Amino acid sequence: MKNGVYGILKAKFLLNDDALKNWRFIVFVILLAIVMIANTHSFEEKVFRINELGTEVKELRSEFADVRSELMKLKMESTISAKMESKGIVPSCVPPVKIMVKKEEKKTMFSNLW
């Protein structure tokens, strides 16, 4: 056991005659570790991006609500009439009247017969 641990510490398993198999395995493990690190890094970038977009969506939603409430205030009749009074336009006291226009039908030869 003493020679086994001592041999591992001196890395004799990398210098033996059949060390090529060991080197291949070590290179494979290193490549696998690099791929795993790159995958974790890209995953974390995506998580951070999702959090940023979520925050942006919340901000845009609150801004939308503010603008919509401001628009509702601007569309009110009292607000519009107050702005138009400064230009000399006042609301009418007489309600509007609907005008009906009757369309004249063209008389054809068949309609004259009936």
PDB file of N, CA and C in Angstrom:
ATOM      1  N   MET A   1       0.830  -1.194   0.000  1.00  0.00           N
ATOM      2  CA  MET A   1       0.000   0.000   0.000  1.00  0.00           C
ATOM      3  C   MET A   1       0.867   1.248   0.000  1.00  0.00           C
ATOM      4  N   LYS A   2       1.991   1.162   0.744  1.00  0.00           N
ATOM      5  CA  LYS A   2       2.888   2.305   0.834  1.00  0.00           C
ATOM      6  C   LYS A   2       3.467   2.631  -0.537  1.00  0.00           C
ATOM      7  N   ASN A   3       3.847   1.614  -1.285  1.00  0.00           N
ATOM      8  CA  ASN A   3       4.403   1.832  -2.621  1.00  0.00           C
ATOM      9  C   ASN A   3       3.330   2.344  -3.574  1.00  0.00           C
ATOM     10  N   GLY A   4       2.073   1.939  -3.368  1.00  0.00           N
ATOM     11  CA  GLY A   4       0.988   2.390  -4.241  1.00  0.00           C
ATOM     12  C   GLY A   4       0.728   3.879  -4.094  1.00  0.00           C
ATOM     13  N   VAL A   5       0.632   4.350  -2.878  1.00  0.00           N
ATOM     14  CA  VAL A   5       0.400   5.769  -2.630  1.00  0.00           C
ATOM     15  C   VAL A   5       1.624   6.563  -3.036  1.00  0.00           C
ATOM     16  N   TYR A   6       2.801   6.037  -2.729  1.00  0.00           N
ATOM     17  CA  TYR A   6       4.048   6.712  -3.097  1.00  0.00           C
ATOM     18  C   TYR A   6       4.189   6.783  -4.617  1.00  0.00           C
ATOM     19  N   GLY A   7       3.770   5.726  -5.292  1.00  0.00           N
ATOM     20  CA  GLY A   7       3.828   5.698  -6.754  1.00  0.00           C
ATOM     21  C   GLY A   7       2.854   6.691  -7.383  1.00  0.00           C
ATOM     22  N   ILE A   8       1.675   6.845  -6.778  1.00  0.00           N
ATOM     23  CA  ILE A   8       0.694   7.812  -7.287  1.00  0.00           C
ATOM     24  C   ILE A   8       1.205   9.231  -7.077  1.00  0.00           C
ATOM     25  N   LEU A   9       1.825   9.485  -5.914  1.00  0.00           N
ATOM     26  CA  LEU A   9       2.362  10.815  -5.642  1.00  0.00           C
ATOM     27  C   LEU A   9       3.521  11.172  -6.584  1.00  0.00           C
ATOM     28  N   LYS A  10       4.323  10.190  -6.958  1.00  0.00           N
ATOM     29  CA  LYS A  10       5.416  10.442  -7.896  1.00  0.00           C
ATOM     30  C   LYS A  10       4.941  10.375  -9.345  1.00  0.00           C
ATOM     31  N   ALA A  11       3.689  10.011  -9.571  1.00  0.00           N
ATOM     32  CA  ALA A  11       3.071   9.913 -10.895  1.00  0.00           C
ATOM     33  C   ALA A  11       3.757   8.873 -11.757  1.00  0.00           C
ATOM     34  N   LYS A  12       4.099   7.737 -11.175  1.00  0.00           N
ATOM     35  CA  LYS A  12       4.731   6.661 -11.932  1.00  0.00           C
ATOM     36  C   LYS A  12       3.758   6.034 -12.933  1.00  0.00           C
ATOM     37  N   PHE A  13       2.477   6.151 -12.653  1.00  0.00           N
ATOM     38  CA  PHE A  13       1.483   5.571 -13.576  1.00  0.00           C
ATOM     39  C   PHE A  13       1.460   6.317 -14.917  1.00  0.00           C
ATOM     40  N   LEU A  14       2.018   7.511 -14.966  1.00  0.00           N
ATOM     41  CA  LEU A  14       2.084   8.257 -16.224  1.00  0.00           C
ATOM     42  C   LEU A  14       3.372   7.984 -16.992  1.00  0.00           C
ATOM     43  N   LEU A  15       4.337   7.349 -16.347  1.00  0.00           N
ATOM     44  CA  LEU A  15       5.635   7.102 -16.990  1.00  0.00           C
ATOM     45  C   LEU A  15       5.852   5.639 -17.340  1.00  0.00           C
ATOM     46  N   ASN A  16       4.939   4.758 -17.011  1.00  0.00           N
ATOM     47  CA  ASN A  16       5.072   3.327 -17.315  1.00  0.00           C
ATOM     48  C   ASN A  16       4.989   3.098 -18.819  1.00  0.00           C
ATOM     49  N   ASP A  17       5.180   1.846 -19.213  1.00  0.00           N
ATOM     50  CA  ASP A  17       5.120   1.471 -20.618  1.00  0.00           C
ATOM     51  C   ASP A  17       3.709   1.610 -21.188  1.00  0.00           C
ATOM     52  N   ASP A  18       2.689   1.291 -20.395  1.00  0.00           N
ATOM     53  CA  ASP A  18       1.293   1.398 -20.866  1.00  0.00           C
ATOM     54  C   ASP A  18       0.650   2.708 -20.401  1.00  0.00           C
ATOM     55  N   ALA A  19       1.442   3.755 -20.297  1.00  0.00           N
ATOM     56  CA  ALA A  19       0.958   5.053 -19.812  1.00  0.00           C
ATOM     57  C   ALA A  19       0.079   5.763 -20.846  1.00  0.00           C
ATOM     58  N   LEU A  20       0.132   5.341 -22.105  1.00  0.00           N
ATOM     59  CA  LEU A  20      -0.659   5.987 -23.150  1.00  0.00           C
ATOM     60  C   LEU A  20      -2.156   5.892 -22.844  1.00  0.00           C
ATOM     61  N   LYS A  21      -2.592   4.749 -22.311  1.00  0.00           N
ATOM     62  CA  LYS A  21      -4.009   4.603 -21.929  1.00  0.00           C
ATOM     63  C   LYS A  21      -4.365   5.584 -20.822  1.00  0.00           C
ATOM     64  N   ASN A  22      -3.484   5.752 -19.879  1.00  0.00           N
ATOM     65  CA  ASN A  22      -3.741   6.689 -18.783  1.00  0.00           C
ATOM     66  C   ASN A  22      -3.802   8.124 -19.297  1.00  0.00           C
ATOM     67  N   TRP A  23      -2.906   8.492 -20.191  1.00  0.00           N
ATOM     68  CA  TRP A  23      -2.909   9.850 -20.743  1.00  0.00           C
ATOM     69  C   TRP A  23      -4.186  10.120 -21.517  1.00  0.00           C
ATOM     70  N   ARG A  24      -4.633   9.138 -22.288  1.00  0.00           N
ATOM     71  CA  ARG A  24      -5.885   9.305 -23.046  1.00  0.00           C
ATOM     72  C   ARG A  24      -7.055   9.562 -22.097  1.00  0.00           C
ATOM     73  N   PHE A  25      -7.118   8.792 -21.015  1.00  0.00           N
ATOM     74  CA  PHE A  25      -8.205   8.975 -20.051  1.00  0.00           C
ATOM     75  C   PHE A  25      -8.125  10.340 -19.381  1.00  0.00           C
ATOM     76  N   ILE A  26      -6.923  10.773 -19.039  1.00  0.00           N
ATOM     77  CA  ILE A  26      -6.755  12.076 -18.391  1.00  0.00           C
ATOM     78  C   ILE A  26      -7.167  13.199 -19.334  1.00  0.00           C
ATOM     79  N   VAL A  27      -6.780  13.114 -20.607  1.00  0.00           N
ATOM     80  CA  VAL A  27      -7.171  14.132 -21.583  1.00  0.00           C
ATOM     81  C   VAL A  27      -8.683  14.128 -21.775  1.00  0.00           C
ATOM     82  N   PHE A  28      -9.291  12.933 -21.799  1.00  0.00           N
ATOM     83  CA  PHE A  28     -10.748  12.843 -21.934  1.00  0.00           C
ATOM     84  C   PHE A  28     -11.447  13.501 -20.746  1.00  0.00           C
ATOM     85  N   VAL A  29     -10.963  13.253 -19.535  1.00  0.00           N
ATOM     86  CA  VAL A  29     -11.557  13.848 -18.342  1.00  0.00           C
ATOM     87  C   VAL A  29     -11.390  15.366 -18.363  1.00  0.00           C
ATOM     88  N   ILE A  30     -10.240  15.849 -18.811  1.00  0.00           N
ATOM     89  CA  ILE A  30     -10.009  17.295 -18.887  1.00  0.00           C
ATOM     90  C   ILE A  30     -10.953  17.934 -19.898  1.00  0.00           C
ATOM     91  N   LEU A  31     -11.112  17.322 -21.074  1.00  0.00           N
ATOM     92  CA  LEU A  31     -12.037  17.847 -22.088  1.00  0.00           C
ATOM     93  C   LEU A  31     -13.477  17.833 -21.579  1.00  0.00           C
ATOM     94  N   LEU A  32     -13.834  16.784 -20.875  1.00  0.00           N
ATOM     95  CA  LEU A  32     -15.174  16.698 -20.306  1.00  0.00           C
ATOM     96  C   LEU A  32     -15.404  17.798 -19.265  1.00  0.00           C
ATOM     97  N   ALA A  33     -14.391  18.079 -18.462  1.00  0.00           N
ATOM     98  CA  ALA A  33     -14.501  19.154 -17.467  1.00  0.00           C
ATOM     99  C   ALA A  33     -14.634  20.515 -18.145  1.00  0.00           C
ATOM    100  N   ILE A  34     -13.904  20.738 -19.236  1.00  0.00           N
ATOM    101  CA  ILE A  34     -13.993  22.013 -19.967  1.00  0.00           C
ATOM    102  C   ILE A  34     -15.384  22.190 -20.558  1.00  0.00           C
ATOM    103  N   VAL A  35     -15.940  21.138 -21.132  1.00  0.00           N
ATOM    104  CA  VAL A  35     -17.292  21.210 -21.699  1.00  0.00           C
ATOM    105  C   VAL A  35     -18.311  21.489 -20.595  1.00  0.00           C
ATOM    106  N   MET A  36     -18.150  20.856 -19.448  1.00  0.00           N
ATOM    107  CA  MET A  36     -19.076  21.068 -18.339  1.00  0.00           C
ATOM    108  C   MET A  36     -18.991  22.512 -17.823  1.00  0.00           C
ATOM    109  N   ILE A  37     -17.796  23.061 -17.721  1.00  0.00           N
ATOM    110  CA  ILE A  37     -17.626  24.437 -17.268  1.00  0.00           C
ATOM    111  C   ILE A  37     -18.250  25.409 -18.269  1.00  0.00           C
ATOM    112  N   ALA A  38     -18.041  25.179 -19.566  1.00  0.00           N
ATOM    113  CA  ALA A  38     -18.621  26.056 -20.590  1.00  0.00           C
ATOM    114  C   ALA A  38     -20.147  25.986 -20.564  1.00  0.00           C
ATOM    115  N   ASN A  39     -20.693  24.793 -20.373  1.00  0.00           N
ATOM    116  CA  ASN A  39     -22.143  24.628 -20.310  1.00  0.00           C
ATOM    117  C   ASN A  39     -22.722  25.359 -19.100  1.00  0.00           C
ATOM    118  N   THR A  40     -22.073  25.249 -17.968  1.00  0.00           N
ATOM    119  CA  THR A  40     -22.531  25.938 -16.756  1.00  0.00           C
ATOM    120  C   THR A  40     -22.471  27.448 -16.935  1.00  0.00           C
ATOM    121  N   HIS A  41     -21.411  27.918 -17.578  1.00  0.00           N
ATOM    122  CA  HIS A  41     -21.260  29.363 -17.820  1.00  0.00           C
ATOM    123  C   HIS A  41     -22.386  29.886 -18.711  1.00  0.00           C
ATOM    124  N   SER A  42     -22.697  29.177 -19.788  1.00  0.00           N
ATOM    125  CA  SER A  42     -23.774  29.635 -20.686  1.00  0.00           C
ATOM    126  C   SER A  42     -25.127  29.565 -19.977  1.00  0.00           C
ATOM    127  N   PHE A  43     -25.337  28.574 -19.135  1.00  0.00           N
ATOM    128  CA  PHE A  43     -26.584  28.466 -18.371  1.00  0.00           C
ATOM    129  C   PHE A  43     -26.746  29.656 -17.428  1.00  0.00           C
ATOM    130  N   GLU A  44     -25.676  30.021 -16.729  1.00  0.00           N
ATOM    131  CA  GLU A  44     -25.747  31.156 -15.814  1.00  0.00           C
ATOM    132  C   GLU A  44     -25.999  32.463 -16.561  1.00  0.00           C
ATOM    133  N   GLU A  45     -25.404  32.627 -17.742  1.00  0.00           N
ATOM    134  CA  GLU A  45     -25.675  33.822 -18.553  1.00  0.00           C
ATOM    135  C   GLU A  45     -27.153  33.907 -18.916  1.00  0.00           C
ATOM    136  N   LYS A  46     -27.732  32.783 -19.279  1.00  0.00           N
ATOM    137  CA  LYS A  46     -29.154  32.766 -19.632  1.00  0.00           C
ATOM    138  C   LYS A  46     -30.031  33.089 -18.428  1.00  0.00           C
ATOM    139  N   VAL A  47     -29.663  32.595 -17.262  1.00  0.00           N
ATOM    140  CA  VAL A  47     -30.436  32.879 -16.053  1.00  0.00           C
ATOM    141  C   VAL A  47     -30.386  34.375 -15.739  1.00  0.00           C
ATOM    142  N   PHE A  48     -29.195  34.975 -15.842  1.00  0.00           N
ATOM    143  CA  PHE A  48     -29.073  36.411 -15.596  1.00  0.00           C
ATOM    144  C   PHE A  48     -29.883  37.206 -16.614  1.00  0.00           C
ATOM    145  N   ARG A  49     -29.865  36.783 -17.866  1.00  0.00           N
ATOM    146  CA  ARG A  49     -30.622  37.477 -18.915  1.00  0.00           C
ATOM    147  C   ARG A  49     -32.126  37.375 -18.645  1.00  0.00           C
ATOM    148  N   ILE A  50     -32.579  36.210 -18.201  1.00  0.00           N
ATOM    149  CA  ILE A  50     -34.007  36.024 -17.883  1.00  0.00           C
ATOM    150  C   ILE A  50     -34.408  36.936 -16.732  1.00  0.00           C
ATOM    151  N   ASN A  51     -33.555  37.067 -15.731  1.00  0.00           N
ATOM    152  CA  ASN A  51     -33.856  37.956 -14.605  1.00  0.00           C
ATOM    153  C   ASN A  51     -33.917  39.412 -15.056  1.00  0.00           C
ATOM    154  N   GLU A  52     -32.996  39.824 -15.931  1.00  0.00           N
ATOM    155  CA  GLU A  52     -33.015  41.193 -16.448  1.00  0.00           C
ATOM    156  C   GLU A  52     -34.297  41.455 -17.232  1.00  0.00           C
ATOM    157  N   LEU A  53     -34.682  40.500 -18.076  1.00  0.00           N
ATOM    158  CA  LEU A  53     -35.902  40.679 -18.873  1.00  0.00           C
ATOM    159  C   LEU A  53     -37.144  40.710 -17.981  1.00  0.00           C
ATOM    160  N   GLY A  54     -37.156  39.913 -16.927  1.00  0.00           N
ATOM    161  CA  GLY A  54     -38.293  39.934 -16.002  1.00  0.00           C
ATOM    162  C   GLY A  54     -38.431  41.287 -15.328  1.00  0.00           C
ATOM    163  N   THR A  55     -37.305  41.857 -14.921  1.00  0.00           N
ATOM    164  CA  THR A  55     -37.326  43.188 -14.309  1.00  0.00           C
ATOM    165  C   THR A  55     -37.809  44.227 -15.305  1.00  0.00           C
ATOM    166  N   GLU A  56     -37.332  44.124 -16.547  1.00  0.00           N
ATOM    167  CA  GLU A  56     -37.748  45.071 -17.587  1.00  0.00           C
ATOM    168  C   GLU A  56     -39.242  44.958 -17.872  1.00  0.00           C
ATOM    169  N   VAL A  57     -39.764  43.743 -17.874  1.00  0.00           N
ATOM    170  CA  VAL A  57     -41.203  43.542 -18.115  1.00  0.00           C
ATOM    171  C   VAL A  57     -42.020  44.186 -16.995  1.00  0.00           C
ATOM    172  N   LYS A  58     -41.578  44.042 -15.761  1.00  0.00           N
ATOM    173  CA  LYS A  58     -42.294  44.660 -14.637  1.00  0.00           C
ATOM    174  C   LYS A  58     -42.300  46.178 -14.764  1.00  0.00           C
ATOM    175  N   GLU A  59     -41.162  46.757 -15.150  1.00  0.00           N
ATOM    176  CA  GLU A  59     -41.085  48.203 -15.319  1.00  0.00           C
ATOM    177  C   GLU A  59     -42.003  48.672 -16.443  1.00  0.00           C
ATOM    178  N   LEU A  60     -41.984  47.954 -17.561  1.00  0.00           N
ATOM    179  CA  LEU A  60     -42.831  48.336 -18.698  1.00  0.00           C
ATOM    180  C   LEU A  60     -44.311  48.192 -18.357  1.00  0.00           C
ATOM    181  N   ARG A  61     -44.662  47.175 -17.569  1.00  0.00           N
ATOM    182  CA  ARG A  61     -46.057  46.987 -17.168  1.00  0.00           C
ATOM    183  C   ARG A  61     -46.541  48.152 -16.301  1.00  0.00           C
ATOM    184  N   SER A  62     -45.701  48.577 -15.363  1.00  0.00           N
ATOM    185  CA  SER A  62     -46.096  49.698 -14.506  1.00  0.00           C
ATOM    186  C   SER A  62     -46.162  50.996 -15.314  1.00  0.00           C
ATOM    187  N   GLU A  63     -45.245  51.166 -16.254  1.00  0.00           N
ATOM    188  CA  GLU A  63     -45.292  52.354 -17.111  1.00  0.00           C
ATOM    189  C   GLU A  63     -46.556  52.347 -17.973  1.00  0.00           C
ATOM    190  N   PHE A  64     -46.938  51.183 -18.470  1.00  0.00           N
ATOM    191  CA  PHE A  64     -48.156  51.063 -19.268  1.00  0.00           C
ATOM    192  C   PHE A  64     -49.381  51.459 -18.450  1.00  0.00           C
ATOM    193  N   ALA A  65     -49.433  51.005 -17.204  1.00  0.00           N
ATOM    194  CA  ALA A  65     -50.576  51.345 -16.342  1.00  0.00           C
ATOM    195  C   ALA A  65     -50.627  52.849 -16.088  1.00  0.00           C
ATOM    196  N   ASP A  66     -49.473  53.472 -15.867  1.00  0.00           N
ATOM    197  CA  ASP A  66     -49.435  54.920 -15.642  1.00  0.00           C
ATOM    198  C   ASP A  66     -49.907  55.690 -16.868  1.00  0.00           C
ATOM    199  N   VAL A  67     -49.420  55.304 -18.030  1.00  0.00           N
ATOM    200  CA  VAL A  67     -49.788  56.004 -19.262  1.00  0.00           C
ATOM    201  C   VAL A  67     -51.269  55.804 -19.568  1.00  0.00           C
ATOM    202  N   ARG A  68     -51.780  54.604 -19.307  1.00  0.00           N
ATOM    203  CA  ARG A  68     -53.194  54.333 -19.564  1.00  0.00           C
ATOM    204  C   ARG A  68     -54.086  55.171 -18.652  1.00  0.00           C
ATOM    205  N   SER A  69     -53.705  55.316 -17.378  1.00  0.00           N
ATOM    206  CA  SER A  69     -54.515  56.137 -16.474  1.00  0.00           C
ATOM    207  C   SER A  69     -54.439  57.610 -16.871  1.00  0.00           C
ATOM    208  N   GLU A  70     -53.280  58.052 -17.330  1.00  0.00           N
ATOM    209  CA  GLU A  70     -53.147  59.438 -17.794  1.00  0.00           C
ATOM    210  C   GLU A  70     -54.003  59.676 -19.036  1.00  0.00           C
ATOM    211  N   LEU A  71     -54.037  58.696 -19.933  1.00  0.00           N
ATOM    212  CA  LEU A  71     -54.870  58.806 -21.132  1.00  0.00           C
ATOM    213  C   LEU A  71     -56.349  58.868 -20.767  1.00  0.00           C
ATOM    214  N   MET A  72     -56.766  58.084 -19.794  1.00  0.00           N
ATOM    215  CA  MET A  72     -58.166  58.120 -19.364  1.00  0.00           C
ATOM    216  C   MET A  72     -58.535  59.500 -18.834  1.00  0.00           C
ATOM    217  N   LYS A  73     -57.609  60.129 -18.104  1.00  0.00           N
ATOM    218  CA  LYS A  73     -57.867  61.475 -17.600  1.00  0.00           C
ATOM    219  C   LYS A  73     -57.961  62.484 -18.743  1.00  0.00           C
ATOM    220  N   LEU A  74     -57.097  62.326 -19.742  1.00  0.00           N
ATOM    221  CA  LEU A  74     -57.101  63.258 -20.874  1.00  0.00           C
ATOM    222  C   LEU A  74     -58.341  63.099 -21.746  1.00  0.00           C
ATOM    223  N   LYS A  75     -58.924  61.911 -21.773  1.00  0.00           N
ATOM    224  CA  LYS A  75     -60.099  61.665 -22.612  1.00  0.00           C
ATOM    225  C   LYS A  75     -61.400  62.126 -21.963  1.00  0.00           C
ATOM    226  N   MET A  76     -61.353  62.500 -20.703  1.00  0.00           N
ATOM    227  CA  MET A  76     -62.576  62.927 -20.016  1.00  0.00           C
ATOM    228  C   MET A  76     -63.096  64.229 -20.628  1.00  0.00           C
ATOM    229  N   GLU A  77     -64.415  64.356 -20.674  1.00  0.00           N
ATOM    230  CA  GLU A  77     -65.046  65.524 -21.299  1.00  0.00           C
ATOM    231  C   GLU A  77     -64.670  66.812 -20.574  1.00  0.00           C
ATOM    232  N   SER A  78     -64.563  66.770 -19.269  1.00  0.00           N
ATOM    233  CA  SER A  78     -64.227  67.981 -18.512  1.00  0.00           C
ATOM    234  C   SER A  78     -62.823  68.480 -18.854  1.00  0.00           C
ATOM    235  N   THR A  79     -61.875  67.541 -19.041  1.00  0.00           N
ATOM    236  CA  THR A  79     -60.516  67.935 -19.393  1.00  0.00           C
ATOM    237  C   THR A  79     -60.470  68.548 -20.786  1.00  0.00           C
ATOM    238  N   ILE A  80     -61.183  67.932 -21.717  1.00  0.00           N
ATOM    239  CA  ILE A  80     -61.198  68.432 -23.095  1.00  0.00           C
ATOM    240  C   ILE A  80     -61.868  69.798 -23.155  1.00  0.00           C
ATOM    241  N   SER A  81     -62.994  69.965 -22.463  1.00  0.00           N
ATOM    242  CA  SER A  81     -63.695  71.259 -22.505  1.00  0.00           C
ATOM    243  C   SER A  81     -62.857  72.357 -21.848  1.00  0.00           C
ATOM    244  N   ALA A  82     -62.102  72.026 -20.798  1.00  0.00           N
ATOM    245  CA  ALA A  82     -61.244  73.023 -20.145  1.00  0.00           C
ATOM    246  C   ALA A  82     -60.126  73.470 -21.086  1.00  0.00           C
ATOM    247  N   LYS A  83     -59.574  72.551 -21.850  1.00  0.00           N
ATOM    248  CA  LYS A  83     -58.511  72.913 -22.788  1.00  0.00           C
ATOM    249  C   LYS A  83     -59.058  73.704 -23.972  1.00  0.00           C
ATOM    250  N   MET A  84     -60.278  73.407 -24.392  1.00  0.00           N
ATOM    251  CA  MET A  84     -60.848  74.099 -25.551  1.00  0.00           C
ATOM    252  C   MET A  84     -61.354  75.489 -25.179  1.00  0.00           C
ATOM    253  N   GLU A  85     -61.705  75.727 -23.929  1.00  0.00           N
ATOM    254  CA  GLU A  85     -62.160  77.054 -23.507  1.00  0.00           C
ATOM    255  C   GLU A  85     -61.057  78.088 -23.658  1.00  0.00           C
ATOM    256  N   SER A  86     -59.811  77.658 -23.475  1.00  0.00           N
ATOM    257  CA  SER A  86     -58.706  78.602 -23.641  1.00  0.00           C
ATOM    258  C   SER A  86     -58.571  79.039 -25.103  1.00  0.00           C
ATOM    259  N   LYS A  87     -59.066  78.236 -26.036  1.00  0.00           N
ATOM    260  CA  LYS A  87     -59.031  78.583 -27.464  1.00  0.00           C
ATOM    261  C   LYS A  87     -60.329  79.243 -27.923  1.00  0.00           C
ATOM    262  N   GLY A  88     -61.266  79.399 -27.016  1.00  0.00           N
ATOM    263  CA  GLY A  88     -62.522  80.062 -27.355  1.00  0.00           C
ATOM    264  C   GLY A  88     -63.608  79.116 -27.825  1.00  0.00           C
ATOM    265  N   ILE A  89     -63.437  77.860 -27.685  1.00  0.00           N
ATOM    266  CA  ILE A  89     -64.450  76.881 -28.096  1.00  0.00           C
ATOM    267  C   ILE A  89     -65.128  76.362 -26.833  1.00  0.00           C
ATOM    268  N   VAL A  90     -66.450  76.474 -26.799  1.00  0.00           N
ATOM    269  CA  VAL A  90     -67.204  76.022 -25.629  1.00  0.00           C
ATOM    270  C   VAL A  90     -68.144  74.898 -26.044  1.00  0.00           C
ATOM    271  N   PRO A  91     -68.534  74.051 -25.115  1.00  0.00           N
ATOM    272  CA  PRO A  91     -69.462  72.969 -25.451  1.00  0.00           C
ATOM    273  C   PRO A  91     -70.841  73.525 -25.831  1.00  0.00           C
ATOM    274  N   SER A  92     -71.508  72.862 -26.714  1.00  0.00           N
ATOM    275  CA  SER A  92     -72.819  73.277 -27.180  1.00  0.00           C
ATOM    276  C   SER A  92     -73.889  72.984 -26.124  1.00  0.00           C
ATOM    277  N   CYS A  93     -74.848  73.898 -26.021  1.00  0.00           N
ATOM    278  CA  CYS A  93     -75.964  73.685 -25.085  1.00  0.00           C
ATOM    279  C   CYS A  93     -77.085  72.902 -25.747  1.00  0.00           C
ATOM    280  N   VAL A  94     -77.103  72.886 -27.060  1.00  0.00           N
ATOM    281  CA  VAL A  94     -78.136  72.199 -27.824  1.00  0.00           C
ATOM    282  C   VAL A  94     -77.605  70.819 -28.197  1.00  0.00           C
ATOM    283  N   PRO A  95     -78.375  69.787 -27.904  1.00  0.00           N
ATOM    284  CA  PRO A  95     -77.902  68.451 -28.252  1.00  0.00           C
ATOM    285  C   PRO A  95     -77.892  68.260 -29.777  1.00  0.00           C
ATOM    286  N   PRO A  96     -77.047  67.420 -30.269  1.00  0.00           N
ATOM    287  CA  PRO A  96     -76.969  67.198 -31.709  1.00  0.00           C
ATOM    288  C   PRO A  96     -78.220  66.503 -32.241  1.00  0.00           C
ATOM    289  N   VAL A  97     -78.521  66.773 -33.510  1.00  0.00           N
ATOM    290  CA  VAL A  97     -79.679  66.173 -34.170  1.00  0.00           C
ATOM    291  C   VAL A  97     -79.171  65.266 -35.276  1.00  0.00           C
ATOM    292  N   LYS A  98     -79.747  64.095 -35.367  1.00  0.00           N
ATOM    293  CA  LYS A  98     -79.334  63.147 -36.384  1.00  0.00           C
ATOM    294  C   LYS A  98     -80.030  63.484 -37.700  1.00  0.00           C
ATOM    295  N   ILE A  99     -79.242  63.582 -38.740  1.00  0.00           N
ATOM    296  CA  ILE A  99     -79.776  63.906 -40.059  1.00  0.00           C
ATOM    297  C   ILE A  99     -79.883  62.611 -40.845  1.00  0.00           C
ATOM    298  N   MET A 100     -81.084  62.342 -41.354  1.00  0.00           N
ATOM    299  CA  MET A 100     -81.319  61.136 -42.146  1.00  0.00           C
ATOM    300  C   MET A 100     -81.363  61.507 -43.618  1.00  0.00           C
ATOM    301  N   VAL A 101     -80.581  60.886 -44.415  1.00  0.00           N
ATOM    302  CA  VAL A 101     -80.568  61.121 -45.855  1.00  0.00           C
ATOM    303  C   VAL A 101     -81.136  59.882 -46.511  1.00  0.00           C
ATOM    304  N   LYS A 102     -82.193  60.084 -47.303  1.00  0.00           N
ATOM    305  CA  LYS A 102     -82.799  58.953 -47.995  1.00  0.00           C
ATOM    306  C   LYS A 102     -82.184  58.841 -49.365  1.00  0.00           C
ATOM    307  N   LYS A 103     -81.829  57.661 -49.698  1.00  0.00           N
ATOM    308  CA  LYS A 103     -81.200  57.410 -50.971  1.00  0.00           C
ATOM    309  C   LYS A 103     -82.290  57.149 -52.005  1.00  0.00           C
ATOM    310  N   GLU A 104     -82.204  57.862 -53.093  1.00  0.00           N
ATOM    311  CA  GLU A 104     -83.206  57.675 -54.156  1.00  0.00           C
ATOM    312  C   GLU A 104     -82.819  56.458 -54.975  1.00  0.00           C
ATOM    313  N   GLU A 105     -83.847  55.659 -55.246  1.00  0.00           N
ATOM    314  CA  GLU A 105     -83.602  54.471 -56.043  1.00  0.00           C
ATOM    315  C   GLU A 105     -83.719  54.821 -57.516  1.00  0.00           C
ATOM    316  N   LYS A 106     -82.858  54.240 -58.288  1.00  0.00           N
ATOM    317  CA  LYS A 106     -82.948  54.438 -59.733  1.00  0.00           C
ATOM    318  C   LYS A 106     -84.062  53.546 -60.257  1.00  0.00           C
ATOM    319  N   LYS A 107     -84.851  54.093 -61.062  1.00  0.00           N
ATOM    320  CA  LYS A 107     -85.951  53.315 -61.606  1.00  0.00           C
ATOM    321  C   LYS A 107     -85.469  52.612 -62.866  1.00  0.00           C
ATOM    322  N   THR A 108     -85.683  51.338 -62.865  1.00  0.00           N
ATOM    323  CA  THR A 108     -85.323  50.550 -64.037  1.00  0.00           C
ATOM    324  C   THR A 108     -86.585  50.106 -64.743  1.00  0.00           C
ATOM    325  N   MET A 109     -86.390  49.500 -65.822  1.00  0.00           N
ATOM    326  CA  MET A 109     -87.511  49.067 -66.601  1.00  0.00           C
ATOM    327  C   MET A 109     -88.342  48.024 -65.849  1.00  0.00           C
ATOM    328  N   PHE A 110     -87.694  47.154 -65.102  1.00  0.00           N
ATOM    329  CA  PHE A 110     -88.407  46.109 -64.361  1.00  0.00           C
ATOM    330  C   PHE A 110     -89.170  46.703 -63.178  1.00  0.00           C
ATOM    331  N   SER A 111     -88.615  47.696 -62.522  1.00  0.00           N
ATOM    332  CA  SER A 111     -89.317  48.275 -61.369  1.00  0.00           C
ATOM    333  C   SER A 111     -90.563  49.033 -61.817  1.00  0.00           C
ATOM    334  N   ASN A 112     -90.548  49.585 -63.014  1.00  0.00           N
ATOM    335  CA  ASN A 112     -91.729  50.258 -63.526  1.00  0.00           C
ATOM    336  C   ASN A 112     -92.861  49.263 -63.804  1.00  0.00           C
ATOM    337  N   LEU A 113     -92.511  48.065 -64.176  1.00  0.00           N
ATOM    338  CA  LEU A 113     -93.516  47.053 -64.475  1.00  0.00           C
ATOM    339  C   LEU A 113     -94.217  46.567 -63.214  1.00  0.00           C
ATOM    340  N   TRP A 114     -93.553  46.511 -62.129  1.00  0.00           N
ATOM    341  CA  TRP A 114     -94.137  45.977 -60.901  1.00  0.00           C
ATOM    342  C   TRP A 114     -94.735  47.071 -60.144  1.00  0.00           C
TER     343      TRP A 114
END
